[in-house]
Amino acid sequence: MALQRRERRRQQYLSLGVGELVAAAVFCLTAANAIQPRLMGTEASVLWIALLPLLLVLWQSGAYWLLARSWVAGGSMPDAVAAVYRVFRVLDALVLAGSLVAIILWLPSRIPVLVLVIAVWLFALVEYVNYFVVRLSYPLTQWASRVGEWRTPQLIRDLRRSSQKLEDGNPTALAP
């Protein structure tokens, strides 16, 4: 029974990881091939500035889900991986803030481009919050009832477990 549950979670994590990486690729390809050719002046730069934090979070979260497959059943996030994701948490917030400042400085004058850039940046913010602050992602049929639970994202729970084993002075306590 436990083995089946572990394999089901490993498959779910594979799907989530690949999904996030594919989403990042789709955003890149769409921006480069369908949107950028229609932009003028600094609009393309501002679009990529808005996309940068989104792509960072998608790449990081895709890698996280794929890596998490190795500690899904009772193990814990390796210390080196936890250290990297703690840095990502701060770095991503700084990139989000910096990109917002850049967007404000080079605000697109055409309304459709402005709306697109703001929407992309807001989506990056939502993804950051979903992975590093509070879980926002639920199946559509459960979203309205579950989002108000303010659940801790799995990534943060893994980081906390990693910190806890170090605080307990036993770095291998939760290792498989």
C-alpha atoms as a PDB file:
ATOM      1  CA  MET A   1       0.000   0.000   0.000  1.00  0.00           C
ATOM      2  CA  ALA A   2       2.738   2.472   0.976  1.00  0.00           C
ATOM      3  CA  LEU A   3       4.704   1.530  -2.138  1.00  0.00           C
ATOM      4  CA  GLN A   4       1.684   2.257  -4.345  1.00  0.00           C
ATOM      5  CA  ARG A   5       1.174   5.630  -2.669  1.00  0.00           C
ATOM      6  CA  ARG A   6       4.857   6.465  -3.107  1.00  0.00           C
ATOM      7  CA  GLU A   7       4.755   5.559  -6.792  1.00  0.00           C
ATOM      8  CA  ARG A   8       1.563   7.575  -7.283  1.00  0.00           C
ATOM      9  CA  ARG A   9       3.232  10.628  -5.712  1.00  0.00           C
ATOM     10  CA  ARG A  10       6.400  10.091  -7.755  1.00  0.00           C
ATOM     11  CA  GLN A  11       4.258  10.034 -10.906  1.00  0.00           C
ATOM     12  CA  GLN A  12       2.392  13.152  -9.770  1.00  0.00           C
ATOM     13  CA  TYR A  13       5.695  14.938  -9.086  1.00  0.00           C
ATOM     14  CA  LEU A  14       6.996  13.906 -12.512  1.00  0.00           C
ATOM     15  CA  SER A  15       3.881  15.350 -14.112  1.00  0.00           C
ATOM     16  CA  LEU A  16       4.164  18.581 -12.113  1.00  0.00           C
ATOM     17  CA  GLY A  17       7.874  18.970 -12.859  1.00  0.00           C
ATOM     18  CA  VAL A  18       7.581  18.344 -16.568  1.00  0.00           C
ATOM     19  CA  GLY A  19       4.477  20.544 -16.696  1.00  0.00           C
ATOM     20  CA  GLU A  20       6.292  23.513 -15.165  1.00  0.00           C
ATOM     21  CA  LEU A  21       9.267  23.117 -17.506  1.00  0.00           C
ATOM     22  CA  VAL A  22       6.991  22.808 -20.545  1.00  0.00           C
ATOM     23  CA  ALA A  23       5.078  25.900 -19.403  1.00  0.00           C
ATOM     24  CA  ALA A  24       8.356  27.841 -19.220  1.00  0.00           C
ATOM     25  CA  ALA A  25       9.279  26.690 -22.727  1.00  0.00           C
ATOM     26  CA  VAL A  26       5.849  27.647 -24.071  1.00  0.00           C
ATOM     27  CA  PHE A  27       6.087  31.119 -22.527  1.00  0.00           C
ATOM     28  CA  CYS A  28       9.558  31.600 -24.065  1.00  0.00           C
ATOM     29  CA  LEU A  29       8.562  30.367 -27.503  1.00  0.00           C
ATOM     30  CA  THR A  30       5.319  32.342 -27.538  1.00  0.00           C
ATOM     31  CA  ALA A  31       7.049  35.531 -26.443  1.00  0.00           C
ATOM     32  CA  ALA A  32       9.903  35.137 -28.927  1.00  0.00           C
ATOM     33  CA  ASN A  33       7.926  33.973 -31.949  1.00  0.00           C
ATOM     34  CA  ALA A  34       4.392  35.329 -31.629  1.00  0.00           C
ATOM     35  CA  ILE A  35       4.579  38.459 -29.499  1.00  0.00           C
ATOM     36  CA  GLN A  36       8.034  40.015 -29.805  1.00  0.00           C
ATOM     37  CA  PRO A  37       7.815  40.523 -33.608  1.00  0.00           C
ATOM     38  CA  ARG A  38       4.769  42.752 -33.039  1.00  0.00           C
ATOM     39  CA  LEU A  39       6.415  44.970 -30.437  1.00  0.00           C
ATOM     40  CA  MET A  40       8.061  48.341 -30.965  1.00  0.00           C
ATOM     41  CA  GLY A  41      10.938  50.147 -29.292  1.00  0.00           C
ATOM     42  CA  THR A  42      11.535  49.069 -25.706  1.00  0.00           C
ATOM     43  CA  GLU A  43       8.324  47.009 -25.523  1.00  0.00           C
ATOM     44  CA  ALA A  44      10.170  43.743 -26.210  1.00  0.00           C
ATOM     45  CA  SER A  45      12.651  44.453 -23.428  1.00  0.00           C
ATOM     46  CA  VAL A  46       9.850  45.223 -20.992  1.00  0.00           C
ATOM     47  CA  LEU A  47       8.065  42.008 -21.966  1.00  0.00           C
ATOM     48  CA  TRP A  48      11.195  39.962 -21.221  1.00  0.00           C
ATOM     49  CA  ILE A  49      11.701  41.872 -17.977  1.00  0.00           C
ATOM     50  CA  ALA A  50       8.175  40.836 -16.947  1.00  0.00           C
ATOM     51  CA  LEU A  51       8.797  37.266 -18.104  1.00  0.00           C
ATOM     52  CA  LEU A  52      12.106  36.824 -16.275  1.00  0.00           C
ATOM     53  CA  PRO A  53      10.676  36.251 -12.780  1.00  0.00           C
ATOM     54  CA  LEU A  54       7.978  33.960 -14.179  1.00  0.00           C
ATOM     55  CA  LEU A  55      10.506  31.861 -16.060  1.00  0.00           C
ATOM     56  CA  LEU A  56      12.784  31.674 -13.012  1.00  0.00           C
ATOM     57  CA  VAL A  57       9.978  30.401 -10.783  1.00  0.00           C
ATOM     58  CA  LEU A  58       8.763  27.926 -13.418  1.00  0.00           C
ATOM     59  CA  TRP A  59      12.267  26.518 -14.011  1.00  0.00           C
ATOM     60  CA  GLN A  60      12.956  26.296 -10.288  1.00  0.00           C
ATOM     61  CA  SER A  61       9.616  24.691  -9.495  1.00  0.00           C
ATOM     62  CA  GLY A  62       9.965  22.219 -12.354  1.00  0.00           C
ATOM     63  CA  ALA A  63      13.371  21.197 -11.061  1.00  0.00           C
ATOM     64  CA  TYR A  64      12.021  21.014  -7.495  1.00  0.00           C
ATOM     65  CA  TRP A  65       9.241  18.570  -8.405  1.00  0.00           C
ATOM     66  CA  LEU A  66      11.634  16.376 -10.359  1.00  0.00           C
ATOM     67  CA  LEU A  67      14.174  16.390  -7.523  1.00  0.00           C
ATOM     68  CA  ALA A  68      11.463  15.783  -4.901  1.00  0.00           C
ATOM     69  CA  ARG A  69      10.717  12.423  -6.491  1.00  0.00           C
ATOM     70  CA  SER A  70      13.864  11.129  -4.776  1.00  0.00           C
ATOM     71  CA  TRP A  71      12.686  11.967  -1.235  1.00  0.00           C
ATOM     72  CA  VAL A  72       8.934  11.536  -1.696  1.00  0.00           C
ATOM     73  CA  ALA A  73       8.453   8.670   0.758  1.00  0.00           C
ATOM     74  CA  GLY A  74       9.866   9.556   4.132  1.00  0.00           C
ATOM     75  CA  GLY A  75      13.123  11.125   3.071  1.00  0.00           C
ATOM     76  CA  SER A  76      13.950  14.780   3.226  1.00  0.00           C
ATOM     77  CA  MET A  77      15.284  17.392   0.889  1.00  0.00           C
ATOM     78  CA  PRO A  78      19.093  17.161   0.755  1.00  0.00           C
ATOM     79  CA  ASP A  79      20.813  19.995   2.598  1.00  0.00           C
ATOM     80  CA  ALA A  80      22.498  21.358  -0.540  1.00  0.00           C
ATOM     81  CA  VAL A  81      19.188  21.473  -2.425  1.00  0.00           C
ATOM     82  CA  ALA A  82      17.492  23.140   0.550  1.00  0.00           C
ATOM     83  CA  ALA A  83      20.236  25.775   0.684  1.00  0.00           C
ATOM     84  CA  VAL A  84      19.787  26.533  -3.012  1.00  0.00           C
ATOM     85  CA  TYR A  85      16.001  26.877  -2.669  1.00  0.00           C
ATOM     86  CA  ARG A  86      16.384  29.167   0.343  1.00  0.00           C
ATOM     87  CA  VAL A  87      18.523  31.413  -1.871  1.00  0.00           C
ATOM     88  CA  PHE A  88      15.955  31.142  -4.685  1.00  0.00           C
ATOM     89  CA  ARG A  89      13.218  32.293  -2.314  1.00  0.00           C
ATOM     90  CA  VAL A  90      15.058  35.552  -1.594  1.00  0.00           C
ATOM     91  CA  LEU A  91      16.484  35.974  -5.095  1.00  0.00           C
ATOM     92  CA  ASP A  92      13.082  35.529  -6.737  1.00  0.00           C
ATOM     93  CA  ALA A  93      11.537  38.190  -4.502  1.00  0.00           C
ATOM     94  CA  LEU A  94      14.344  40.575  -5.453  1.00  0.00           C
ATOM     95  CA  VAL A  95      13.929  39.783  -9.155  1.00  0.00           C
ATOM     96  CA  LEU A  96      10.171  40.368  -8.873  1.00  0.00           C
ATOM     97  CA  ALA A  97      10.753  43.733  -7.189  1.00  0.00           C
ATOM     98  CA  GLY A  98      13.457  44.736  -9.660  1.00  0.00           C
ATOM     99  CA  SER A  99      11.369  43.770 -12.652  1.00  0.00           C
ATOM    100  CA  LEU A 100       8.432  45.783 -11.313  1.00  0.00           C
ATOM    101  CA  VAL A 101      10.672  48.841 -10.982  1.00  0.00           C
ATOM    102  CA  ALA A 102      11.941  48.338 -14.552  1.00  0.00           C
ATOM    103  CA  ILE A 103       8.398  47.904 -15.868  1.00  0.00           C
ATOM    104  CA  ILE A 104       7.353  51.144 -14.179  1.00  0.00           C
ATOM    105  CA  LEU A 105      10.397  52.970 -15.563  1.00  0.00           C
ATOM    106  CA  TRP A 106       9.819  51.745 -19.130  1.00  0.00           C
ATOM    107  CA  LEU A 107       6.040  51.532 -19.042  1.00  0.00           C
ATOM    108  CA  PRO A 108       4.715  50.556 -22.475  1.00  0.00           C
ATOM    109  CA  SER A 109       2.588  53.291 -24.013  1.00  0.00           C
ATOM    110  CA  ARG A 110       0.327  50.975 -26.001  1.00  0.00           C
ATOM    111  CA  ILE A 111      -2.493  49.712 -23.786  1.00  0.00           C
ATOM    112  CA  PRO A 112      -2.567  46.089 -25.068  1.00  0.00           C
ATOM    113  CA  VAL A 113       1.179  45.741 -24.445  1.00  0.00           C
ATOM    114  CA  LEU A 114       0.850  47.366 -21.023  1.00  0.00           C
ATOM    115  CA  VAL A 115      -1.940  44.945 -20.082  1.00  0.00           C
ATOM    116  CA  LEU A 116       0.102  41.980 -21.323  1.00  0.00           C
ATOM    117  CA  VAL A 117       3.222  43.017 -19.415  1.00  0.00           C
ATOM    118  CA  ILE A 118       1.283  43.615 -16.196  1.00  0.00           C
ATOM    119  CA  ALA A 119      -0.586  40.309 -16.578  1.00  0.00           C
ATOM    120  CA  VAL A 120       2.672  38.400 -17.093  1.00  0.00           C
ATOM    121  CA  TRP A 121       4.266  40.061 -14.056  1.00  0.00           C
ATOM    122  CA  LEU A 122       1.189  39.371 -11.920  1.00  0.00           C
ATOM    123  CA  PHE A 123       1.254  35.732 -13.010  1.00  0.00           C
ATOM    124  CA  ALA A 124       4.904  35.590 -11.926  1.00  0.00           C
ATOM    125  CA  LEU A 125       3.883  36.999  -8.550  1.00  0.00           C
ATOM    126  CA  VAL A 126       1.109  34.397  -8.210  1.00  0.00           C
ATOM    127  CA  GLU A 127       3.549  31.588  -9.048  1.00  0.00           C
ATOM    128  CA  TYR A 128       6.039  32.906  -6.497  1.00  0.00           C
ATOM    129  CA  VAL A 129       3.343  33.097  -3.818  1.00  0.00           C
ATOM    130  CA  ASN A 130       2.110  29.609  -4.746  1.00  0.00           C
ATOM    131  CA  TYR A 131       5.557  28.064  -4.264  1.00  0.00           C
ATOM    132  CA  PHE A 132       7.065  30.174  -1.487  1.00  0.00           C
ATOM    133  CA  VAL A 133       4.230  31.691   0.585  1.00  0.00           C
ATOM    134  CA  VAL A 134       0.831  29.981   0.483  1.00  0.00           C
ATOM    135  CA  ARG A 135      -0.550  27.270  -1.748  1.00  0.00           C
ATOM    136  CA  LEU A 136      -2.877  28.698  -4.398  1.00  0.00           C
ATOM    137  CA  SER A 137      -2.963  25.800  -6.838  1.00  0.00           C
ATOM    138  CA  TYR A 138      -5.837  23.343  -6.470  1.00  0.00           C
ATOM    139  CA  PRO A 139      -8.029  21.426  -8.897  1.00  0.00           C
ATOM    140  CA  LEU A 140     -10.567  23.815 -10.412  1.00  0.00           C
ATOM    141  CA  THR A 141     -13.521  22.058  -8.766  1.00  0.00           C
ATOM    142  CA  GLN A 142     -11.919  22.458  -5.314  1.00  0.00           C
ATOM    143  CA  TRP A 143     -10.258  25.845  -5.708  1.00  0.00           C
ATOM    144  CA  ALA A 144     -12.928  28.047  -4.115  1.00  0.00           C
ATOM    145  CA  SER A 145     -13.280  25.841  -1.052  1.00  0.00           C
ATOM    146  CA  ARG A 146      -9.572  25.047  -0.532  1.00  0.00           C
ATOM    147  CA  VAL A 147      -7.697  28.270  -1.304  1.00  0.00           C
ATOM    148  CA  GLY A 148      -8.990  29.844   1.913  1.00  0.00           C
ATOM    149  CA  GLU A 149      -7.249  27.137   3.960  1.00  0.00           C
ATOM    150  CA  TRP A 150      -3.951  29.025   3.577  1.00  0.00           C
ATOM    151  CA  ARG A 151      -1.979  25.792   3.292  1.00  0.00           C
ATOM    152  CA  THR A 152       1.796  25.838   3.299  1.00  0.00           C
ATOM    153  CA  PRO A 153       3.316  24.964  -0.100  1.00  0.00           C
ATOM    154  CA  GLN A 154       5.050  21.573  -0.340  1.00  0.00           C
ATOM    155  CA  LEU A 155       8.371  23.260  -1.156  1.00  0.00           C
ATOM    156  CA  ILE A 156       8.249  25.263   2.078  1.00  0.00           C
ATOM    157  CA  ARG A 157       7.271  22.165   4.073  1.00  0.00           C
ATOM    158  CA  ASP A 158      10.292  20.380   2.602  1.00  0.00           C
ATOM    159  CA  LEU A 159      12.542  23.329   3.491  1.00  0.00           C
ATOM    160  CA  ARG A 160      11.209  23.364   7.051  1.00  0.00           C
ATOM    161  CA  ARG A 161      11.772  19.619   7.446  1.00  0.00           C
ATOM    162  CA  SER A 162      15.309  20.091   6.186  1.00  0.00           C
ATOM    163  CA  SER A 163      15.884  22.907   8.706  1.00  0.00           C
ATOM    164  CA  GLN A 164      14.353  20.859  11.506  1.00  0.00           C
ATOM    165  CA  LYS A 165      16.689  17.914  11.016  1.00  0.00           C
ATOM    166  CA  LEU A 166      19.664  20.297  11.187  1.00  0.00           C
ATOM    167  CA  GLU A 167      18.320  21.985  14.333  1.00  0.00           C
ATOM    168  CA  ASP A 168      17.887  18.581  15.942  1.00  0.00           C
ATOM    169  CA  GLY A 169      21.578  17.966  15.294  1.00  0.00           C
ATOM    170  CA  ASN A 170      20.908  14.869  13.254  1.00  0.00           C
ATOM    171  CA  PRO A 171      21.374  15.595   9.542  1.00  0.00           C
ATOM    172  CA  THR A 172      20.491  12.027   8.588  1.00  0.00           C
ATOM    173  CA  ALA A 173      17.454  11.656  10.843  1.00  0.00           C
ATOM    174  CA  LEU A 174      14.976  11.911   8.006  1.00  0.00           C
ATOM    175  CA  ALA A 175      17.100  10.394   5.253  1.00  0.00           C
ATOM    176  CA  PRO A 176      15.689   7.302   3.550  1.00  0.00           C
END
